[in-house]
Amino acid sequence: MPLDKLVLIIVSVVAAAAATVWLATALIASTQFAPVAGLAVLSVVALCAYVAWRVISERINNKDDDHYDRFEN
């Protein structure tokens, strides 16, 4: 992989992480929650999103469970 693509990926990931943290702190600050309660709620939401992502990706990538892969055209 060329160095410029690697640097672009790293910069993009860092920028996305910074934007996510900024957005989360803005959402917490705009509500009447205490910061600790807001972080707890965001942690639960992030955990649920992670579990949903893993379930969906497992169902998409599981070749043994895909009925239509066995058909020949």
PDB file of N, CA and C in Angstrom:
ATOM      1  N   MET A   1       0.851  -1.169   0.000  1.00  0.00           N
ATOM      2  CA  MET A   1       0.000   0.000   0.000  1.00  0.00           C
ATOM      3  C   MET A   1       0.896   1.232   0.000  1.00  0.00           C
ATOM      4  N   PRO A   2       0.586   2.165  -0.886  1.00  0.00           N
ATOM      5  CA  PRO A   2       1.377   3.397  -0.918  1.00  0.00           C
ATOM      6  C   PRO A   2       1.235   4.192   0.381  1.00  0.00           C
ATOM      7  N   LEU A   3       2.281   4.899   0.698  1.00  0.00           N
ATOM      8  CA  LEU A   3       2.323   5.664   1.945  1.00  0.00           C
ATOM      9  C   LEU A   3       1.258   6.749   1.980  1.00  0.00           C
ATOM     10  N   ASP A   4       0.968   7.373   0.839  1.00  0.00           N
ATOM     11  CA  ASP A   4      -0.022   8.449   0.844  1.00  0.00           C
ATOM     12  C   ASP A   4      -1.426   7.930   1.138  1.00  0.00           C
ATOM     13  N   LYS A   5      -1.752   6.724   0.690  1.00  0.00           N
ATOM     14  CA  LYS A   5      -3.057   6.142   1.009  1.00  0.00           C
ATOM     15  C   LYS A   5      -3.145   5.777   2.480  1.00  0.00           C
ATOM     16  N   LEU A   6      -2.061   5.262   3.025  1.00  0.00           N
ATOM     17  CA  LEU A   6      -2.043   4.907   4.438  1.00  0.00           C
ATOM     18  C   LEU A   6      -2.216   6.148   5.310  1.00  0.00           C
ATOM     19  N   VAL A   7      -1.536   7.213   4.965  1.00  0.00           N
ATOM     20  CA  VAL A   7      -1.666   8.463   5.719  1.00  0.00           C
ATOM     21  C   VAL A   7      -3.083   9.014   5.584  1.00  0.00           C
ATOM     22  N   LEU A   8      -3.663   8.926   4.403  1.00  0.00           N
ATOM     23  CA  LEU A   8      -5.035   9.388   4.198  1.00  0.00           C
ATOM     24  C   LEU A   8      -6.016   8.599   5.058  1.00  0.00           C
ATOM     25  N   ILE A   9      -5.843   7.294   5.144  1.00  0.00           N
ATOM     26  CA  ILE A   9      -6.715   6.460   5.973  1.00  0.00           C
ATOM     27  C   ILE A   9      -6.563   6.835   7.445  1.00  0.00           C
ATOM     28  N   ILE A  10      -5.344   6.988   7.904  1.00  0.00           N
ATOM     29  CA  ILE A  10      -5.109   7.322   9.311  1.00  0.00           C
ATOM     30  C   ILE A  10      -5.703   8.687   9.648  1.00  0.00           C
ATOM     31  N   VAL A  11      -5.494   9.669   8.778  1.00  0.00           N
ATOM     32  CA  VAL A  11      -6.048  11.007   9.017  1.00  0.00           C
ATOM     33  C   VAL A  11      -7.570  10.966   9.013  1.00  0.00           C
ATOM     34  N   SER A  12      -8.156  10.201   8.118  1.00  0.00           N
ATOM     35  CA  SER A  12      -9.616  10.090   8.059  1.00  0.00           C
ATOM     36  C   SER A  12     -10.179   9.451   9.318  1.00  0.00           C
ATOM     37  N   VAL A  13      -9.529   8.415   9.810  1.00  0.00           N
ATOM     38  CA  VAL A  13      -9.989   7.746  11.021  1.00  0.00           C
ATOM     39  C   VAL A  13      -9.872   8.662  12.236  1.00  0.00           C
ATOM     40  N   VAL A  14      -8.767   9.372  12.343  1.00  0.00           N
ATOM     41  CA  VAL A  14      -8.588  10.288  13.469  1.00  0.00           C
ATOM     42  C   VAL A  14      -9.610  11.421  13.397  1.00  0.00           C
ATOM     43  N   ALA A  15      -9.867  11.942  12.211  1.00  0.00           N
ATOM     44  CA  ALA A  15     -10.863  13.009  12.068  1.00  0.00           C
ATOM     45  C   ALA A  15     -12.263  12.510  12.398  1.00  0.00           C
ATOM     46  N   ALA A  16     -12.589  11.296  11.981  1.00  0.00           N
ATOM     47  CA  ALA A  16     -13.903  10.741  12.299  1.00  0.00           C
ATOM     48  C   ALA A  16     -14.049  10.508  13.803  1.00  0.00           C
ATOM     49  N   ALA A  17     -12.995  10.047  14.452  1.00  0.00           N
ATOM     50  CA  ALA A  17     -13.043   9.838  15.902  1.00  0.00           C
ATOM     51  C   ALA A  17     -13.197  11.174  16.628  1.00  0.00           C
ATOM     52  N   ALA A  18     -12.488  12.181  16.186  1.00  0.00           N
ATOM     53  CA  ALA A  18     -12.600  13.497  16.816  1.00  0.00           C
ATOM     54  C   ALA A  18     -13.997  14.078  16.617  1.00  0.00           C
ATOM     55  N   ALA A  19     -14.561  13.911  15.431  1.00  0.00           N
ATOM     56  CA  ALA A  19     -15.920  14.401  15.176  1.00  0.00           C
ATOM     57  C   ALA A  19     -16.939  13.658  16.031  1.00  0.00           C
ATOM     58  N   THR A  20     -16.735  12.373  16.225  1.00  0.00           N
ATOM     59  CA  THR A  20     -17.645  11.588  17.057  1.00  0.00           C
ATOM     60  C   THR A  20     -17.585  12.041  18.511  1.00  0.00           C
ATOM     61  N   VAL A  21     -16.393  12.250  19.030  1.00  0.00           N
ATOM     62  CA  VAL A  21     -16.252  12.710  20.408  1.00  0.00           C
ATOM     63  C   VAL A  21     -16.841  14.102  20.555  1.00  0.00           C
ATOM     64  N   TRP A  22     -16.608  14.984  19.599  1.00  0.00           N
ATOM     65  CA  TRP A  22     -17.162  16.327  19.657  1.00  0.00           C
ATOM     66  C   TRP A  22     -18.688  16.297  19.627  1.00  0.00           C
ATOM     67  N   LEU A  23     -19.259  15.470  18.756  1.00  0.00           N
ATOM     68  CA  LEU A  23     -20.707  15.363  18.670  1.00  0.00           C
ATOM     69  C   LEU A  23     -21.299  14.780  19.952  1.00  0.00           C
ATOM     70  N   ALA A  24     -20.662  13.777  20.518  1.00  0.00           N
ATOM     71  CA  ALA A  24     -21.151  13.173  21.762  1.00  0.00           C
ATOM     72  C   ALA A  24     -21.114  14.181  22.910  1.00  0.00           C
ATOM     73  N   THR A  25     -20.034  14.935  23.013  1.00  0.00           N
ATOM     74  CA  THR A  25     -19.976  15.923  24.090  1.00  0.00           C
ATOM     75  C   THR A  25     -20.971  17.054  23.857  1.00  0.00           C
ATOM     76  N   ALA A  26     -21.230  17.415  22.614  1.00  0.00           N
ATOM     77  CA  ALA A  26     -22.236  18.442  22.327  1.00  0.00           C
ATOM     78  C   ALA A  26     -23.631  17.945  22.686  1.00  0.00           C
ATOM     79  N   LEU A  27     -23.920  16.685  22.386  1.00  0.00           N
ATOM     80  CA  LEU A  27     -25.223  16.130  22.748  1.00  0.00           C
ATOM     81  C   LEU A  27     -25.403  16.043  24.255  1.00  0.00           C
ATOM     82  N   ILE A  28     -24.355  15.647  24.944  1.00  0.00           N
ATOM     83  CA  ILE A  28     -24.434  15.551  26.401  1.00  0.00           C
ATOM     84  C   ILE A  28     -24.607  16.939  27.004  1.00  0.00           C
ATOM     85  N   ALA A  29     -23.899  17.933  26.487  1.00  0.00           N
ATOM     86  CA  ALA A  29     -23.981  19.286  27.028  1.00  0.00           C
ATOM     87  C   ALA A  29     -25.336  19.927  26.751  1.00  0.00           C
ATOM     88  N   SER A  30     -25.986  19.520  25.658  1.00  0.00           N
ATOM     89  CA  SER A  30     -27.261  20.143  25.317  1.00  0.00           C
ATOM     90  C   SER A  30     -28.431  19.584  26.110  1.00  0.00           C
ATOM     91  N   THR A  31     -28.251  18.462  26.751  1.00  0.00           N
ATOM     92  CA  THR A  31     -29.325  17.878  27.550  1.00  0.00           C
ATOM     93  C   THR A  31     -29.163  18.280  29.009  1.00  0.00           C
ATOM     94  N   GLN A  32     -30.139  17.936  29.806  1.00  0.00           N
ATOM     95  CA  GLN A  32     -30.095  18.258  31.227  1.00  0.00           C
ATOM     96  C   GLN A  32     -29.510  17.121  32.054  1.00  0.00           C
ATOM     97  N   PHE A  33     -28.970  16.107  31.377  1.00  0.00           N
ATOM     98  CA  PHE A  33     -28.346  14.994  32.078  1.00  0.00           C
ATOM     99  C   PHE A  33     -27.039  15.431  32.720  1.00  0.00           C
ATOM    100  N   ALA A  34     -26.691  14.747  33.762  1.00  0.00           N
ATOM    101  CA  ALA A  34     -25.346  14.913  34.301  1.00  0.00           C
ATOM    102  C   ALA A  34     -24.382  14.259  33.306  1.00  0.00           C
ATOM    103  N   PRO A  35     -23.175  14.758  33.185  1.00  0.00           N
ATOM    104  CA  PRO A  35     -22.246  14.175  32.204  1.00  0.00           C
ATOM    105  C   PRO A  35     -22.007  12.685  32.395  1.00  0.00           C
ATOM    106  N   VAL A  36     -21.987  12.230  33.634  1.00  0.00           N
ATOM    107  CA  VAL A  36     -21.759  10.800  33.866  1.00  0.00           C
ATOM    108  C   VAL A  36     -22.940   9.988  33.374  1.00  0.00           C
ATOM    109  N   ALA A  37     -24.172  10.476  33.602  1.00  0.00           N
ATOM    110  CA  ALA A  37     -25.364   9.774  33.126  1.00  0.00           C
ATOM    111  C   ALA A  37     -25.408   9.765  31.598  1.00  0.00           C
ATOM    112  N   GLY A  38     -25.027  10.864  30.986  1.00  0.00           N
ATOM    113  CA  GLY A  38     -24.997  10.920  29.521  1.00  0.00           C
ATOM    114  C   GLY A  38     -23.996   9.946  28.931  1.00  0.00           C
ATOM    115  N   LEU A  39     -22.834   9.860  29.550  1.00  0.00           N
ATOM    116  CA  LEU A  39     -21.843   8.895  29.067  1.00  0.00           C
ATOM    117  C   LEU A  39     -22.323   7.462  29.275  1.00  0.00           C
ATOM    118  N   ALA A  40     -23.039   7.211  30.351  1.00  0.00           N
ATOM    119  CA  ALA A  40     -23.578   5.876  30.579  1.00  0.00           C
ATOM    120  C   ALA A  40     -24.597   5.517  29.502  1.00  0.00           C
ATOM    121  N   VAL A  41     -25.466   6.460  29.164  1.00  0.00           N
ATOM    122  CA  VAL A  41     -26.465   6.215  28.117  1.00  0.00           C
ATOM    123  C   VAL A  41     -25.777   6.000  26.772  1.00  0.00           C
ATOM    124  N   LEU A  42     -24.799   6.836  26.463  1.00  0.00           N
ATOM    125  CA  LEU A  42     -24.074   6.669  25.206  1.00  0.00           C
ATOM    126  C   LEU A  42     -23.314   5.346  25.162  1.00  0.00           C
ATOM    127  N   SER A  43     -22.799   4.900  26.296  1.00  0.00           N
ATOM    128  CA  SER A  43     -22.103   3.613  26.335  1.00  0.00           C
ATOM    129  C   SER A  43     -23.049   2.466  26.040  1.00  0.00           C
ATOM    130  N   VAL A  44     -24.257   2.532  26.596  1.00  0.00           N
ATOM    131  CA  VAL A  44     -25.243   1.479  26.339  1.00  0.00           C
ATOM    132  C   VAL A  44     -25.672   1.490  24.876  1.00  0.00           C
ATOM    133  N   VAL A  45     -25.883   2.675  24.325  1.00  0.00           N
ATOM    134  CA  VAL A  45     -26.252   2.775  22.912  1.00  0.00           C
ATOM    135  C   VAL A  45     -25.134   2.247  22.027  1.00  0.00           C
ATOM    136  N   ALA A  46     -23.889   2.573  22.355  1.00  0.00           N
ATOM    137  CA  ALA A  46     -22.760   2.086  21.573  1.00  0.00           C
ATOM    138  C   ALA A  46     -22.636   0.570  21.668  1.00  0.00           C
ATOM    139  N   LEU A  47     -22.879   0.002  22.844  1.00  0.00           N
ATOM    140  CA  LEU A  47     -22.826  -1.441  22.998  1.00  0.00           C
ATOM    141  C   LEU A  47     -23.912  -2.121  22.174  1.00  0.00           C
ATOM    142  N   CYS A  48     -25.116  -1.583  22.189  1.00  0.00           N
ATOM    143  CA  CYS A  48     -26.209  -2.153  21.388  1.00  0.00           C
ATOM    144  C   CYS A  48     -25.900  -2.064  19.894  1.00  0.00           C
ATOM    145  N   ALA A  49     -25.341  -0.945  19.460  1.00  0.00           N
ATOM    146  CA  ALA A  49     -24.978  -0.788  18.051  1.00  0.00           C
ATOM    147  C   ALA A  49     -23.893  -1.784  17.659  1.00  0.00           C
ATOM    148  N   TYR A  50     -22.929  -2.019  18.545  1.00  0.00           N
ATOM    149  CA  TYR A  50     -21.866  -2.979  18.269  1.00  0.00           C
ATOM    150  C   TYR A  50     -22.419  -4.397  18.137  1.00  0.00           C
ATOM    151  N   VAL A  51     -23.314  -4.774  19.047  1.00  0.00           N
ATOM    152  CA  VAL A  51     -23.899  -6.111  18.992  1.00  0.00           C
ATOM    153  C   VAL A  51     -24.723  -6.270  17.716  1.00  0.00           C
ATOM    154  N   ALA A  52     -25.497  -5.258  17.362  1.00  0.00           N
ATOM    155  CA  ALA A  52     -26.290  -5.320  16.134  1.00  0.00           C
ATOM    156  C   ALA A  52     -25.382  -5.444  14.913  1.00  0.00           C
ATOM    157  N   TRP A  53     -24.290  -4.695  14.908  1.00  0.00           N
ATOM    158  CA  TRP A  53     -23.341  -4.768  13.789  1.00  0.00           C
ATOM    159  C   TRP A  53     -22.744  -6.162  13.677  1.00  0.00           C
ATOM    160  N   ARG A  54     -22.374  -6.767  14.791  1.00  0.00           N
ATOM    161  CA  ARG A  54     -21.789  -8.116  14.761  1.00  0.00           C
ATOM    162  C   ARG A  54     -22.790  -9.150  14.266  1.00  0.00           C
ATOM    163  N   VAL A  55     -24.049  -9.044  14.692  1.00  0.00           N
ATOM    164  CA  VAL A  55     -25.077  -9.993  14.255  1.00  0.00           C
ATOM    165  C   VAL A  55     -25.308  -9.871  12.763  1.00  0.00           C
ATOM    166  N   ILE A  56     -25.420  -8.643  12.276  1.00  0.00           N
ATOM    167  CA  ILE A  56     -25.661  -8.444  10.847  1.00  0.00           C
ATOM    168  C   ILE A  56     -24.475  -8.924  10.027  1.00  0.00           C
ATOM    169  N   SER A  57     -23.261  -8.601  10.451  1.00  0.00           N
ATOM    170  CA  SER A  57     -22.091  -9.028   9.683  1.00  0.00           C
ATOM    171  C   SER A  57     -21.913 -10.544   9.720  1.00  0.00           C
ATOM    172  N   GLU A  58     -22.274 -11.182  10.823  1.00  0.00           N
ATOM    173  CA  GLU A  58     -22.192 -12.649  10.897  1.00  0.00           C
ATOM    174  C   GLU A  58     -23.192 -13.283   9.939  1.00  0.00           C
ATOM    175  N   ARG A  59     -24.381 -12.738   9.856  1.00  0.00           N
ATOM    176  CA  ARG A  59     -25.387 -13.285   8.948  1.00  0.00           C
ATOM    177  C   ARG A  59     -25.015 -13.064   7.501  1.00  0.00           C
ATOM    178  N   ILE A  60     -24.376 -11.967   7.192  1.00  0.00           N
ATOM    179  CA  ILE A  60     -23.984 -11.693   5.810  1.00  0.00           C
ATOM    180  C   ILE A  60     -22.809 -12.575   5.402  1.00  0.00           C
ATOM    181  N   ASN A  61     -21.842 -12.768   6.291  1.00  0.00           N
ATOM    182  CA  ASN A  61     -20.607 -13.472   5.939  1.00  0.00           C
ATOM    183  C   ASN A  61     -20.648 -14.974   6.163  1.00  0.00           C
ATOM    184  N   ASN A  62     -21.714 -15.524   6.719  1.00  0.00           N
ATOM    185  CA  ASN A  62     -21.788 -16.955   6.992  1.00  0.00           C
ATOM    186  C   ASN A  62     -22.163 -17.707   5.726  1.00  0.00           C
ATOM    187  N   LYS A  63     -21.201 -18.412   5.130  1.00  0.00           N
ATOM    188  CA  LYS A  63     -21.431 -19.126   3.883  1.00  0.00           C
ATOM    189  C   LYS A  63     -22.221 -20.422   4.101  1.00  0.00           C
ATOM    190  N   ASP A  64     -22.109 -21.042   5.274  1.00  0.00           N
ATOM    191  CA  ASP A  64     -22.840 -22.282   5.538  1.00  0.00           C
ATOM    192  C   ASP A  64     -24.333 -22.041   5.655  1.00  0.00           C
ATOM    193  N   ASP A  65     -24.729 -20.847   6.041  1.00  0.00           N
ATOM    194  CA  ASP A  65     -26.130 -20.549   6.270  1.00  0.00           C
ATOM    195  C   ASP A  65     -26.806 -19.958   5.038  1.00  0.00           C
ATOM    196  N   ASP A  66     -26.050 -19.708   3.976  1.00  0.00           N
ATOM    197  CA  ASP A  66     -26.615 -19.076   2.790  1.00  0.00           C
ATOM    198  C   ASP A  66     -27.164 -20.139   1.847  1.00  0.00           C
ATOM    199  N   HIS A  67     -28.461 -20.195   1.738  1.00  0.00           N
ATOM    200  CA  HIS A  67     -29.145 -21.217   0.934  1.00  0.00           C
ATOM    201  C   HIS A  67     -28.885 -21.031  -0.556  1.00  0.00           C
ATOM    202  N   TYR A  68     -28.799 -19.802  -0.997  1.00  0.00           N
ATOM    203  CA  TYR A  68     -28.712 -19.525  -2.453  1.00  0.00           C
ATOM    204  C   TYR A  68     -27.321 -19.728  -3.018  1.00  0.00           C
ATOM    205  N   ASP A  69     -26.311 -19.908  -2.191  1.00  0.00           N
ATOM    206  CA  ASP A  69     -24.965 -20.154  -2.707  1.00  0.00           C
ATOM    207  C   ASP A  69     -24.836 -21.554  -3.301  1.00  0.00           C
ATOM    208  N   ARG A  70     -25.701 -22.468  -2.949  1.00  0.00           N
ATOM    209  CA  ARG A  70     -25.598 -23.850  -3.427  1.00  0.00           C
ATOM    210  C   ARG A  70     -26.202 -24.038  -4.796  1.00  0.00           C
ATOM    211  N   PHE A  71     -26.947 -23.055  -5.310  1.00  0.00           N
ATOM    212  CA  PHE A  71     -27.565 -23.192  -6.621  1.00  0.00           C
ATOM    213  C   PHE A  71     -26.565 -22.904  -7.714  1.00  0.00           C
ATOM    214  N   GLU A  72     -26.669 -23.670  -8.801  1.00  0.00           N
ATOM    215  CA  GLU A  72     -25.806 -23.410  -9.957  1.00  0.00           C
ATOM    216  C   GLU A  72     -26.640 -22.757 -11.034  1.00  0.00           C
ATOM    217  N   ASN A  73     -26.039 -21.799 -11.736  1.00  0.00           N
ATOM    218  CA  ASN A  73     -26.780 -21.078 -12.777  1.00  0.00           C
ATOM    219  C   ASN A  73     -26.681 -21.782 -14.097  1.00  0.00           C
TER     220      ASN A  73
END
